[in-house]
């Protein structure tokens, strides 16, 4: 676990007190970003990440609807392209310490309709599983299809094309073998994260339930913390995912057959100090937590930007 220890040492200070952390963060001036939408009235939004242009289709109508279960995933949020740019930078300590590497499998909670983080990150890893409620699926699939790299029919299947299915169920319109983005629904209150990797097998036409490793190298959650009612299910789901891998014990040696502990990267916009502190208190019951430093985040996500990023690893005994 030496790489993980080096990584955690490099990203910033470990948080010891939730109330103090909340005070330090919310005592500073925070720029107004309204609710945090890029443009909640536009049916499409153009963004550029590391020189790559993306056009994200979204649904203002769905956002303003009274759909039970929420509609916030129907449009693109301002933090998402900034986070996608940060996590895909090769200078990011996640990469320089091989937490992320070409063999990585990444899970995203609350991906929304954009698929932007998946689009930016998936070319450099092995598998990306994006999860959310089913209502985002149609637009997500459209965005993955329209923004994925165009491949010549006679070229090698070394690129990727977007997934065309959800629910982790096989589809008659399943994507080619080169696809490495999979969408499946995940209910934070009722579903078991241990079966998430079955969606990869089903997408590829293989038998489900035979993964030696059901865990993930990195879990991503970008701007999913805005409602106090979501906190306990979100934290519990993060913990359940992390329990699929060994727990982090500084100085401990991993057997060759063991996978590395899961690293959770949680990004969010600063909105309500009460909601943030409630999330942090609940999280610190099960996780050790580091706030990513300004030096690591860079200017667009640093202090005063109105955005935050924290790294979590499950506590020894957090089971």
C-alpha atoms as a PDB file:
ATOM      1  CA  UNK A   1       0.000   0.000   0.000  1.00  0.00           C
ATOM      2  CA  UNK A   2       3.038   2.232  -0.350  1.00  0.00           C
ATOM      3  CA  UNK A   3       1.651   4.044  -3.408  1.00  0.00           C
ATOM      4  CA  UNK A   4      -1.580   4.826  -1.574  1.00  0.00           C
ATOM      5  CA  UNK A   5       0.296   6.137   1.466  1.00  0.00           C
ATOM      6  CA  UNK A   6       2.436   8.344  -0.789  1.00  0.00           C
ATOM      7  CA  UNK A   7      -0.670   9.571  -2.576  1.00  0.00           C
ATOM      8  CA  UNK A   8      -2.516  10.457   0.626  1.00  0.00           C
ATOM      9  CA  UNK A   9       0.549  12.264   1.954  1.00  0.00           C
ATOM     10  CA  UNK A  10       0.790  14.317  -1.221  1.00  0.00           C
ATOM     11  CA  UNK A  11      -2.770  15.578  -1.576  1.00  0.00           C
ATOM     12  CA  UNK A  12      -3.255  17.600   1.620  1.00  0.00           C
ATOM     13  CA  UNK A  13      -4.004  17.401   5.323  1.00  0.00           C
ATOM     14  CA  UNK A  14      -6.225  14.737   6.824  1.00  0.00           C
ATOM     15  CA  UNK A  15      -9.348  16.200   8.416  1.00  0.00           C
ATOM     16  CA  UNK A  16      -9.694  15.614  12.144  1.00  0.00           C
ATOM     17  CA  UNK A  17     -12.730  17.730  13.031  1.00  0.00           C
ATOM     18  CA  UNK A  18     -15.837  18.176  10.874  1.00  0.00           C
ATOM     19  CA  UNK A  19     -16.992  21.394  12.541  1.00  0.00           C
ATOM     20  CA  UNK A  20     -13.584  23.025  12.150  1.00  0.00           C
ATOM     21  CA  UNK A  21     -13.343  21.977   8.508  1.00  0.00           C
ATOM     22  CA  UNK A  22     -16.771  23.413   7.806  1.00  0.00           C
ATOM     23  CA  UNK A  23     -15.882  26.706   9.505  1.00  0.00           C
ATOM     24  CA  UNK A  24     -12.602  27.055   7.603  1.00  0.00           C
ATOM     25  CA  UNK A  25     -14.276  26.436   4.248  1.00  0.00           C
ATOM     26  CA  UNK A  26     -17.391  28.556   4.674  1.00  0.00           C
ATOM     27  CA  UNK A  27     -15.751  31.489   6.476  1.00  0.00           C
ATOM     28  CA  UNK A  28     -14.118  32.531   3.196  1.00  0.00           C
ATOM     29  CA  UNK A  29     -15.810  34.461   0.419  1.00  0.00           C
ATOM     30  CA  UNK A  30     -17.555  32.128  -2.001  1.00  0.00           C
ATOM     31  CA  UNK A  31     -18.463  33.372  -5.475  1.00  0.00           C
ATOM     32  CA  UNK A  32     -22.103  33.149  -6.400  1.00  0.00           C
ATOM     33  CA  UNK A  33     -22.784  30.336  -8.850  1.00  0.00           C
ATOM     34  CA  UNK A  34     -26.544  30.266  -8.364  1.00  0.00           C
ATOM     35  CA  UNK A  35     -27.543  26.612  -8.098  1.00  0.00           C
ATOM     36  CA  UNK A  36     -24.551  25.593 -10.177  1.00  0.00           C
ATOM     37  CA  UNK A  37     -25.999  24.863 -13.625  1.00  0.00           C
ATOM     38  CA  UNK A  38     -23.956  25.738 -16.703  1.00  0.00           C
ATOM     39  CA  UNK A  39     -27.121  26.892 -18.493  1.00  0.00           C
ATOM     40  CA  UNK A  40     -30.376  25.386 -17.283  1.00  0.00           C
ATOM     41  CA  UNK A  41     -32.369  26.780 -20.234  1.00  0.00           C
ATOM     42  CA  UNK A  42     -30.207  25.506 -23.095  1.00  0.00           C
ATOM     43  CA  UNK A  43     -30.915  22.209 -24.822  1.00  0.00           C
ATOM     44  CA  UNK A  44     -27.192  21.769 -25.488  1.00  0.00           C
ATOM     45  CA  UNK A  45     -23.965  23.071 -23.965  1.00  0.00           C
ATOM     46  CA  UNK A  46     -20.492  23.156 -25.533  1.00  0.00           C
ATOM     47  CA  UNK A  47     -17.452  22.487 -23.334  1.00  0.00           C
ATOM     48  CA  UNK A  48     -13.754  21.852 -24.006  1.00  0.00           C
ATOM     49  CA  UNK A  49     -11.507  19.603 -21.899  1.00  0.00           C
ATOM     50  CA  UNK A  50      -7.790  19.418 -22.665  1.00  0.00           C
ATOM     51  CA  UNK A  51      -8.463  20.655 -26.185  1.00  0.00           C
ATOM     52  CA  UNK A  52     -11.240  18.126 -26.829  1.00  0.00           C
ATOM     53  CA  UNK A  53     -14.627  19.646 -27.699  1.00  0.00           C
ATOM     54  CA  UNK A  54     -17.865  18.127 -26.423  1.00  0.00           C
ATOM     55  CA  UNK A  55     -21.480  19.043 -27.082  1.00  0.00           C
ATOM     56  CA  UNK A  56     -23.695  17.951 -24.208  1.00  0.00           C
ATOM     57  CA  UNK A  57     -27.420  17.617 -24.851  1.00  0.00           C
ATOM     58  CA  UNK A  58     -29.608  18.282 -21.829  1.00  0.00           C
ATOM     59  CA  UNK A  59     -33.253  18.633 -20.867  1.00  0.00           C
ATOM     60  CA  UNK A  60     -34.478  21.884 -19.282  1.00  0.00           C
ATOM     61  CA  UNK A  61     -38.011  20.488 -19.512  1.00  0.00           C
ATOM     62  CA  UNK A  62     -37.134  17.447 -17.435  1.00  0.00           C
ATOM     63  CA  UNK A  63     -35.230  19.605 -14.948  1.00  0.00           C
ATOM     64  CA  UNK A  64     -38.328  21.733 -14.304  1.00  0.00           C
ATOM     65  CA  UNK A  65     -40.694  18.779 -14.146  1.00  0.00           C
ATOM     66  CA  UNK A  66     -42.210  17.410 -10.964  1.00  0.00           C
ATOM     67  CA  UNK A  67     -40.763  13.933 -11.462  1.00  0.00           C
ATOM     68  CA  UNK A  68     -40.633  11.944  -8.207  1.00  0.00           C
ATOM     69  CA  UNK A  69     -37.090  11.097  -7.188  1.00  0.00           C
ATOM     70  CA  UNK A  70     -35.504  14.317  -8.440  1.00  0.00           C
ATOM     71  CA  UNK A  71     -34.423  15.819 -11.753  1.00  0.00           C
ATOM     72  CA  UNK A  72     -31.067  17.456 -10.985  1.00  0.00           C
ATOM     73  CA  UNK A  73     -29.207  15.068 -13.280  1.00  0.00           C
ATOM     74  CA  UNK A  74     -31.066  16.395 -16.340  1.00  0.00           C
ATOM     75  CA  UNK A  75     -28.586  19.217 -17.032  1.00  0.00           C
ATOM     76  CA  UNK A  76     -24.847  19.854 -16.870  1.00  0.00           C
ATOM     77  CA  UNK A  77     -23.435  21.402 -13.680  1.00  0.00           C
ATOM     78  CA  UNK A  78     -20.535  23.867 -13.659  1.00  0.00           C
ATOM     79  CA  UNK A  79     -18.234  21.735 -11.541  1.00  0.00           C
ATOM     80  CA  UNK A  80     -18.385  18.732 -13.884  1.00  0.00           C
ATOM     81  CA  UNK A  81     -16.128  19.956 -16.736  1.00  0.00           C
ATOM     82  CA  UNK A  82     -13.687  21.428 -14.197  1.00  0.00           C
ATOM     83  CA  UNK A  83     -13.497  18.143 -12.324  1.00  0.00           C
ATOM     84  CA  UNK A  84     -13.193  16.154 -15.557  1.00  0.00           C
ATOM     85  CA  UNK A  85     -10.265  18.327 -16.624  1.00  0.00           C
ATOM     86  CA  UNK A  86      -8.572  17.941 -13.238  1.00  0.00           C
ATOM     87  CA  UNK A  87      -8.927  14.187 -12.846  1.00  0.00           C
ATOM     88  CA  UNK A  88      -7.694  13.496 -16.377  1.00  0.00           C
ATOM     89  CA  UNK A  89      -4.548  15.633 -16.075  1.00  0.00           C
ATOM     90  CA  UNK A  90      -1.523  13.336 -16.107  1.00  0.00           C
ATOM     91  CA  UNK A  91       0.102  15.508 -13.417  1.00  0.00           C
ATOM     92  CA  UNK A  92      -2.727  14.601 -11.022  1.00  0.00           C
ATOM     93  CA  UNK A  93      -1.377  12.591  -8.039  1.00  0.00           C
ATOM     94  CA  UNK A  94      -3.989   9.925  -8.783  1.00  0.00           C
ATOM     95  CA  UNK A  95      -1.967   9.196 -11.936  1.00  0.00           C
ATOM     96  CA  UNK A  96       1.556   9.876 -10.692  1.00  0.00           C
ATOM     97  CA  UNK A  97       0.987   7.461  -7.782  1.00  0.00           C
ATOM     98  CA  UNK A  98      -0.732   4.865 -10.049  1.00  0.00           C
ATOM     99  CA  UNK A  99      -4.034   5.034  -8.150  1.00  0.00           C
ATOM    100  CA  UNK A 100      -5.366   5.550 -11.658  1.00  0.00           C
ATOM    101  CA  UNK A 101      -3.596   3.642 -14.425  1.00  0.00           C
ATOM    102  CA  UNK A 102      -4.453   1.947 -17.738  1.00  0.00           C
ATOM    103  CA  UNK A 103      -5.791  -1.158 -15.939  1.00  0.00           C
ATOM    104  CA  UNK A 104      -8.121   0.778 -13.625  1.00  0.00           C
ATOM    105  CA  UNK A 105     -11.844   0.252 -13.206  1.00  0.00           C
ATOM    106  CA  UNK A 106     -13.738   3.373 -12.105  1.00  0.00           C
ATOM    107  CA  UNK A 107     -17.250   3.742 -10.704  1.00  0.00           C
ATOM    108  CA  UNK A 108     -19.205   6.989 -10.820  1.00  0.00           C
ATOM    109  CA  UNK A 109     -22.209   7.648  -8.592  1.00  0.00           C
ATOM    110  CA  UNK A 110     -24.785  10.111  -9.891  1.00  0.00           C
ATOM    111  CA  UNK A 111     -23.372  10.539 -13.397  1.00  0.00           C
ATOM    112  CA  UNK A 112     -26.299  12.583 -14.740  1.00  0.00           C
ATOM    113  CA  UNK A 113     -27.048  13.018 -18.432  1.00  0.00           C
ATOM    114  CA  UNK A 114     -23.728  14.426 -19.590  1.00  0.00           C
ATOM    115  CA  UNK A 115     -21.366  11.446 -19.354  1.00  0.00           C
ATOM    116  CA  UNK A 116     -18.622  14.076 -19.439  1.00  0.00           C
ATOM    117  CA  UNK A 117     -16.320  12.546 -16.821  1.00  0.00           C
ATOM    118  CA  UNK A 118     -16.751   9.119 -18.409  1.00  0.00           C
ATOM    119  CA  UNK A 119     -15.980  10.529 -21.858  1.00  0.00           C
ATOM    120  CA  UNK A 120     -12.850  12.290 -20.646  1.00  0.00           C
ATOM    121  CA  UNK A 121     -11.479   9.527 -18.408  1.00  0.00           C
ATOM    122  CA  UNK A 122     -12.452   6.283 -20.137  1.00  0.00           C
ATOM    123  CA  UNK A 123      -9.853   6.388 -22.961  1.00  0.00           C
ATOM    124  CA  UNK A 124      -7.071   6.055 -20.371  1.00  0.00           C
ATOM    125  CA  UNK A 125      -8.485   3.223 -18.224  1.00  0.00           C
ATOM    126  CA  UNK A 126      -9.947  -0.264 -18.733  1.00  0.00           C
ATOM    127  CA  UNK A 127     -13.555   0.041 -17.494  1.00  0.00           C
ATOM    128  CA  UNK A 128     -15.834   2.912 -16.486  1.00  0.00           C
ATOM    129  CA  UNK A 129     -19.208   2.184 -14.898  1.00  0.00           C
ATOM    130  CA  UNK A 130     -21.530   5.194 -14.739  1.00  0.00           C
ATOM    131  CA  UNK A 131     -24.556   4.907 -12.464  1.00  0.00           C
ATOM    132  CA  UNK A 132     -27.653   6.991 -11.804  1.00  0.00           C
ATOM    133  CA  UNK A 133     -31.433   6.714 -11.984  1.00  0.00           C
ATOM    134  CA  UNK A 134     -32.965   5.356 -15.174  1.00  0.00           C
ATOM    135  CA  UNK A 135     -34.393   8.741 -16.234  1.00  0.00           C
ATOM    136  CA  UNK A 136     -30.917   9.973 -17.290  1.00  0.00           C
ATOM    137  CA  UNK A 137     -30.272   6.961 -19.524  1.00  0.00           C
ATOM    138  CA  UNK A 138     -31.654   8.163 -22.860  1.00  0.00           C
ATOM    139  CA  UNK A 139     -29.798  11.485 -22.854  1.00  0.00           C
ATOM    140  CA  UNK A 140     -26.663   9.931 -21.384  1.00  0.00           C
ATOM    141  CA  UNK A 141     -26.581   7.357 -24.172  1.00  0.00           C
ATOM    142  CA  UNK A 142     -27.085  10.116 -26.748  1.00  0.00           C
ATOM    143  CA  UNK A 143     -24.194  12.134 -25.311  1.00  0.00           C
ATOM    144  CA  UNK A 144     -21.877   9.131 -25.195  1.00  0.00           C
ATOM    145  CA  UNK A 145     -22.723   8.264 -28.783  1.00  0.00           C
ATOM    146  CA  UNK A 146     -22.409  11.784 -30.194  1.00  0.00           C
ATOM    147  CA  UNK A 147     -19.196  12.647 -28.345  1.00  0.00           C
ATOM    148  CA  UNK A 148     -17.353   9.346 -28.589  1.00  0.00           C
ATOM    149  CA  UNK A 149     -14.391   9.088 -30.992  1.00  0.00           C
ATOM    150  CA  UNK A 150     -15.353   8.284 -34.553  1.00  0.00           C
ATOM    151  CA  UNK A 151     -13.645   5.108 -35.721  1.00  0.00           C
ATOM    152  CA  UNK A 152     -13.096   4.016 -39.326  1.00  0.00           C
ATOM    153  CA  UNK A 153     -14.838   0.674 -39.954  1.00  0.00           C
ATOM    154  CA  UNK A 154     -11.609  -0.963 -41.119  1.00  0.00           C
ATOM    155  CA  UNK A 155      -9.477   0.324 -38.255  1.00  0.00           C
ATOM    156  CA  UNK A 156      -8.493  -1.776 -35.282  1.00  0.00           C
ATOM    157  CA  UNK A 157     -10.951  -2.021 -32.398  1.00  0.00           C
ATOM    158  CA  UNK A 158      -8.614  -0.127 -30.126  1.00  0.00           C
ATOM    159  CA  UNK A 159     -10.849   2.882 -29.624  1.00  0.00           C
ATOM    160  CA  UNK A 160     -14.093   2.886 -27.694  1.00  0.00           C
ATOM    161  CA  UNK A 161     -17.669   3.561 -28.557  1.00  0.00           C
ATOM    162  CA  UNK A 162     -20.368   4.429 -26.074  1.00  0.00           C
ATOM    163  CA  UNK A 163     -22.501   1.867 -24.306  1.00  0.00           C
ATOM    164  CA  UNK A 164     -26.066   1.512 -25.584  1.00  0.00           C
ATOM    165  CA  UNK A 165     -27.711  -0.122 -22.644  1.00  0.00           C
ATOM    166  CA  UNK A 166     -28.548   0.308 -19.000  1.00  0.00           C
ATOM    167  CA  UNK A 167     -29.829  -1.683 -16.065  1.00  0.00           C
ATOM    168  CA  UNK A 168     -26.900  -4.041 -16.642  1.00  0.00           C
ATOM    169  CA  UNK A 169     -29.116  -6.044 -19.021  1.00  0.00           C
ATOM    170  CA  UNK A 170     -28.053  -7.316 -22.433  1.00  0.00           C
ATOM    171  CA  UNK A 171     -29.423  -5.420 -25.389  1.00  0.00           C
ATOM    172  CA  UNK A 172     -30.037  -6.233 -29.038  1.00  0.00           C
ATOM    173  CA  UNK A 173     -28.291  -2.919 -29.719  1.00  0.00           C
ATOM    174  CA  UNK A 174     -25.307  -3.633 -27.510  1.00  0.00           C
ATOM    175  CA  UNK A 175     -22.108  -1.727 -28.257  1.00  0.00           C
ATOM    176  CA  UNK A 176     -18.985  -3.286 -29.814  1.00  0.00           C
ATOM    177  CA  UNK A 177     -16.341  -4.992 -27.710  1.00  0.00           C
ATOM    178  CA  UNK A 178     -14.198  -1.854 -27.742  1.00  0.00           C
ATOM    179  CA  UNK A 179     -16.724  -0.031 -25.536  1.00  0.00           C
ATOM    180  CA  UNK A 180     -15.480   0.522 -21.997  1.00  0.00           C
ATOM    181  CA  UNK A 181     -18.227   2.792 -20.634  1.00  0.00           C
ATOM    182  CA  UNK A 182     -21.199   0.987 -19.124  1.00  0.00           C
ATOM    183  CA  UNK A 183     -24.300   2.574 -17.656  1.00  0.00           C
ATOM    184  CA  UNK A 184     -26.412   0.792 -15.084  1.00  0.00           C
ATOM    185  CA  UNK A 185     -28.958   2.018 -12.577  1.00  0.00           C
ATOM    186  CA  UNK A 186     -28.014   2.069  -8.908  1.00  0.00           C
ATOM    187  CA  UNK A 187     -30.417   2.816  -6.089  1.00  0.00           C
ATOM    188  CA  UNK A 188     -28.354   3.952  -3.099  1.00  0.00           C
ATOM    189  CA  UNK A 189     -30.933   2.595  -0.675  1.00  0.00           C
ATOM    190  CA  UNK A 190     -31.783  -0.808  -2.131  1.00  0.00           C
ATOM    191  CA  UNK A 191     -29.178  -2.037  -4.648  1.00  0.00           C
ATOM    192  CA  UNK A 192     -26.065  -4.109  -3.941  1.00  0.00           C
ATOM    193  CA  UNK A 193     -22.832  -2.632  -5.390  1.00  0.00           C
ATOM    194  CA  UNK A 194     -21.328  -6.136  -5.423  1.00  0.00           C
ATOM    195  CA  UNK A 195     -23.245  -6.908  -8.629  1.00  0.00           C
ATOM    196  CA  UNK A 196     -22.229  -3.752 -10.518  1.00  0.00           C
ATOM    197  CA  UNK A 197     -19.485  -5.462 -12.473  1.00  0.00           C
ATOM    198  CA  UNK A 198     -22.034  -7.929 -13.815  1.00  0.00           C
ATOM    199  CA  UNK A 199     -23.137  -5.092 -16.103  1.00  0.00           C
ATOM    200  CA  UNK A 200     -19.758  -5.301 -17.866  1.00  0.00           C
ATOM    201  CA  UNK A 201     -20.099  -9.031 -18.426  1.00  0.00           C
ATOM    202  CA  UNK A 202     -23.674  -8.728 -19.652  1.00  0.00           C
ATOM    203  CA  UNK A 203     -22.748  -5.906 -22.000  1.00  0.00           C
ATOM    204  CA  UNK A 204     -19.953  -8.041 -23.473  1.00  0.00           C
ATOM    205  CA  UNK A 205     -22.218 -11.082 -23.785  1.00  0.00           C
ATOM    206  CA  UNK A 206     -20.366 -13.014 -21.072  1.00  0.00           C
ATOM    207  CA  UNK A 207     -21.782 -14.817 -18.069  1.00  0.00           C
ATOM    208  CA  UNK A 208     -22.349 -12.625 -15.035  1.00  0.00           C
ATOM    209  CA  UNK A 209     -21.300 -13.448 -11.504  1.00  0.00           C
ATOM    210  CA  UNK A 210     -17.780 -14.720 -12.177  1.00  0.00           C
ATOM    211  CA  UNK A 211     -15.616 -11.732 -11.304  1.00  0.00           C
ATOM    212  CA  UNK A 212     -12.741 -12.531  -8.963  1.00  0.00           C
ATOM    213  CA  UNK A 213     -12.626  -8.863  -8.061  1.00  0.00           C
ATOM    214  CA  UNK A 214     -15.948  -7.084  -7.631  1.00  0.00           C
ATOM    215  CA  UNK A 215     -14.353  -3.871  -6.394  1.00  0.00           C
ATOM    216  CA  UNK A 216     -13.169  -0.633  -7.999  1.00  0.00           C
ATOM    217  CA  UNK A 217      -9.917   1.285  -8.008  1.00  0.00           C
ATOM    218  CA  UNK A 218     -11.568   4.693  -7.793  1.00  0.00           C
ATOM    219  CA  UNK A 219     -15.093   5.822  -6.918  1.00  0.00           C
ATOM    220  CA  UNK A 220     -16.162   9.253  -8.182  1.00  0.00           C
ATOM    221  CA  UNK A 221     -19.049  11.371  -6.973  1.00  0.00           C
ATOM    222  CA  UNK A 222     -19.346  14.835  -8.511  1.00  0.00           C
ATOM    223  CA  UNK A 223     -21.820  17.310  -7.029  1.00  0.00           C
ATOM    224  CA  UNK A 224     -24.222  14.802  -5.507  1.00  0.00           C
ATOM    225  CA  UNK A 225     -24.310  16.441  -2.058  1.00  0.00           C
ATOM    226  CA  UNK A 226     -26.997  19.122  -1.947  1.00  0.00           C
ATOM    227  CA  UNK A 227     -29.811  17.498   0.017  1.00  0.00           C
ATOM    228  CA  UNK A 228     -29.522  16.257   3.589  1.00  0.00           C
ATOM    229  CA  UNK A 229     -31.842  13.325   2.868  1.00  0.00           C
ATOM    230  CA  UNK A 230     -29.302  11.932   0.380  1.00  0.00           C
ATOM    231  CA  UNK A 231     -26.353  11.958   2.761  1.00  0.00           C
ATOM    232  CA  UNK A 232     -26.815   8.679   4.632  1.00  0.00           C
ATOM    233  CA  UNK A 233     -27.607   6.598   1.504  1.00  0.00           C
ATOM    234  CA  UNK A 234     -24.687   8.131  -0.399  1.00  0.00           C
ATOM    235  CA  UNK A 235     -22.165   7.534   2.386  1.00  0.00           C
ATOM    236  CA  UNK A 236     -23.460   4.014   2.948  1.00  0.00           C
ATOM    237  CA  UNK A 237     -23.145   3.228  -0.774  1.00  0.00           C
ATOM    238  CA  UNK A 238     -19.572   4.559  -0.850  1.00  0.00           C
ATOM    239  CA  UNK A 239     -18.746   2.334   2.137  1.00  0.00           C
ATOM    240  CA  UNK A 240     -20.397  -0.714   0.566  1.00  0.00           C
ATOM    241  CA  UNK A 241     -18.316  -0.198  -2.585  1.00  0.00           C
ATOM    242  CA  UNK A 242     -15.105   0.173  -0.575  1.00  0.00           C
ATOM    243  CA  UNK A 243     -15.837  -3.033   1.344  1.00  0.00           C
ATOM    244  CA  UNK A 244     -15.433  -4.936  -1.931  1.00  0.00           C
ATOM    245  CA  UNK A 245     -11.674  -4.271  -1.655  1.00  0.00           C
ATOM    246  CA  UNK A 246      -9.125  -4.538   1.198  1.00  0.00           C
ATOM    247  CA  UNK A 247      -9.162  -1.763   3.778  1.00  0.00           C
ATOM    248  CA  UNK A 248      -6.282   0.724   3.892  1.00  0.00           C
ATOM    249  CA  UNK A 249      -3.793  -0.079   6.646  1.00  0.00           C
ATOM    250  CA  UNK A 250      -0.643   2.105   6.490  1.00  0.00           C
ATOM    251  CA  UNK A 251       2.504   0.001   6.212  1.00  0.00           C
ATOM    252  CA  UNK A 252       0.612  -3.217   5.499  1.00  0.00           C
ATOM    253  CA  UNK A 253       1.735  -5.428   2.653  1.00  0.00           C
ATOM    254  CA  UNK A 254      -0.739  -6.667   0.047  1.00  0.00           C
ATOM    255  CA  UNK A 255      -0.495 -10.181  -1.335  1.00  0.00           C
ATOM    256  CA  UNK A 256       0.064 -10.326  -5.086  1.00  0.00           C
ATOM    257  CA  UNK A 257      -3.501 -11.540  -5.519  1.00  0.00           C
ATOM    258  CA  UNK A 258      -4.961  -8.656  -3.519  1.00  0.00           C
ATOM    259  CA  UNK A 259      -6.381  -5.575  -5.181  1.00  0.00           C
ATOM    260  CA  UNK A 260      -5.622  -2.119  -3.829  1.00  0.00           C
ATOM    261  CA  UNK A 261      -8.136  -0.381  -1.553  1.00  0.00           C
ATOM    262  CA  UNK A 262     -10.750   1.767  -3.246  1.00  0.00           C
ATOM    263  CA  UNK A 263     -10.090   5.515  -3.248  1.00  0.00           C
ATOM    264  CA  UNK A 264     -13.178   7.750  -3.222  1.00  0.00           C
ATOM    265  CA  UNK A 265     -12.946  11.202  -4.801  1.00  0.00           C
ATOM    266  CA  UNK A 266     -15.853  13.440  -3.822  1.00  0.00           C
ATOM    267  CA  UNK A 267     -16.245  16.819  -5.534  1.00  0.00           C
ATOM    268  CA  UNK A 268     -18.961  19.311  -4.731  1.00  0.00           C
ATOM    269  CA  UNK A 269     -20.031  22.919  -4.979  1.00  0.00           C
ATOM    270  CA  UNK A 270     -20.118  24.911  -1.761  1.00  0.00           C
ATOM    271  CA  UNK A 271     -23.744  25.633  -1.013  1.00  0.00           C
ATOM    272  CA  UNK A 272     -25.144  25.006   2.464  1.00  0.00           C
ATOM    273  CA  UNK A 273     -22.678  24.761   5.375  1.00  0.00           C
ATOM    274  CA  UNK A 274     -25.262  22.724   7.294  1.00  0.00           C
ATOM    275  CA  UNK A 275     -25.550  20.107   4.539  1.00  0.00           C
ATOM    276  CA  UNK A 276     -21.781  19.985   4.050  1.00  0.00           C
ATOM    277  CA  UNK A 277     -21.103  19.500   7.769  1.00  0.00           C
ATOM    278  CA  UNK A 278     -23.801  16.817   8.003  1.00  0.00           C
ATOM    279  CA  UNK A 279     -22.164  14.989   5.076  1.00  0.00           C
ATOM    280  CA  UNK A 280     -18.702  15.275   6.583  1.00  0.00           C
ATOM    281  CA  UNK A 281     -19.816  14.057  10.026  1.00  0.00           C
ATOM    282  CA  UNK A 282     -21.547  11.035   8.513  1.00  0.00           C
ATOM    283  CA  UNK A 283     -18.575  10.329   6.256  1.00  0.00           C
ATOM    284  CA  UNK A 284     -16.002  10.547   9.052  1.00  0.00           C
ATOM    285  CA  UNK A 285     -17.804   7.817  10.988  1.00  0.00           C
ATOM    286  CA  UNK A 286     -16.675   5.287   8.369  1.00  0.00           C
ATOM    287  CA  UNK A 287     -13.894   6.980   6.412  1.00  0.00           C
ATOM    288  CA  UNK A 288     -10.644   8.794   6.833  1.00  0.00           C
ATOM    289  CA  UNK A 289     -10.976  12.061   4.912  1.00  0.00           C
ATOM    290  CA  UNK A 290      -8.479  14.382   3.230  1.00  0.00           C
ATOM    291  CA  UNK A 291      -9.300  17.746   1.656  1.00  0.00           C
ATOM    292  CA  UNK A 292      -7.391  18.071  -1.596  1.00  0.00           C
ATOM    293  CA  UNK A 293      -5.028  21.047  -1.305  1.00  0.00           C
ATOM    294  CA  UNK A 294      -5.058  24.111  -3.544  1.00  0.00           C
ATOM    295  CA  UNK A 295      -1.644  23.153  -4.899  1.00  0.00           C
ATOM    296  CA  UNK A 296      -3.023  19.827  -6.120  1.00  0.00           C
ATOM    297  CA  UNK A 297      -6.367  21.179  -7.344  1.00  0.00           C
ATOM    298  CA  UNK A 298      -5.064  24.148  -9.305  1.00  0.00           C
ATOM    299  CA  UNK A 299      -6.804  27.502  -9.653  1.00  0.00           C
ATOM    300  CA  UNK A 300     -10.138  26.437 -11.135  1.00  0.00           C
ATOM    301  CA  UNK A 301     -11.073  24.258  -8.139  1.00  0.00           C
ATOM    302  CA  UNK A 302      -8.934  25.880  -5.429  1.00  0.00           C
ATOM    303  CA  UNK A 303     -10.095  27.829  -2.365  1.00  0.00           C
ATOM    304  CA  UNK A 304     -12.342  30.716  -3.323  1.00  0.00           C
ATOM    305  CA  UNK A 305     -13.623  28.956  -6.448  1.00  0.00           C
ATOM    306  CA  UNK A 306     -16.743  27.770  -4.662  1.00  0.00           C
ATOM    307  CA  UNK A 307     -15.804  24.125  -5.248  1.00  0.00           C
ATOM    308  CA  UNK A 308     -14.348  21.414  -3.009  1.00  0.00           C
ATOM    309  CA  UNK A 309     -12.708  18.040  -3.471  1.00  0.00           C
ATOM    310  CA  UNK A 310     -12.135  15.427  -0.763  1.00  0.00           C
ATOM    311  CA  UNK A 311     -10.536  12.000  -0.834  1.00  0.00           C
ATOM    312  CA  UNK A 312     -11.896   9.176   1.324  1.00  0.00           C
ATOM    313  CA  UNK A 313     -10.531   5.781   2.276  1.00  0.00           C
ATOM    314  CA  UNK A 314     -12.513   3.352   4.398  1.00  0.00           C
ATOM    315  CA  UNK A 315     -11.338   3.161   7.997  1.00  0.00           C
ATOM    316  CA  UNK A 316      -9.815  -0.009   9.363  1.00  0.00           C
ATOM    317  CA  UNK A 317     -12.846  -1.232  11.289  1.00  0.00           C
ATOM    318  CA  UNK A 318     -15.213   0.810   9.085  1.00  0.00           C
ATOM    319  CA  UNK A 319     -16.940  -2.402   8.101  1.00  0.00           C
END
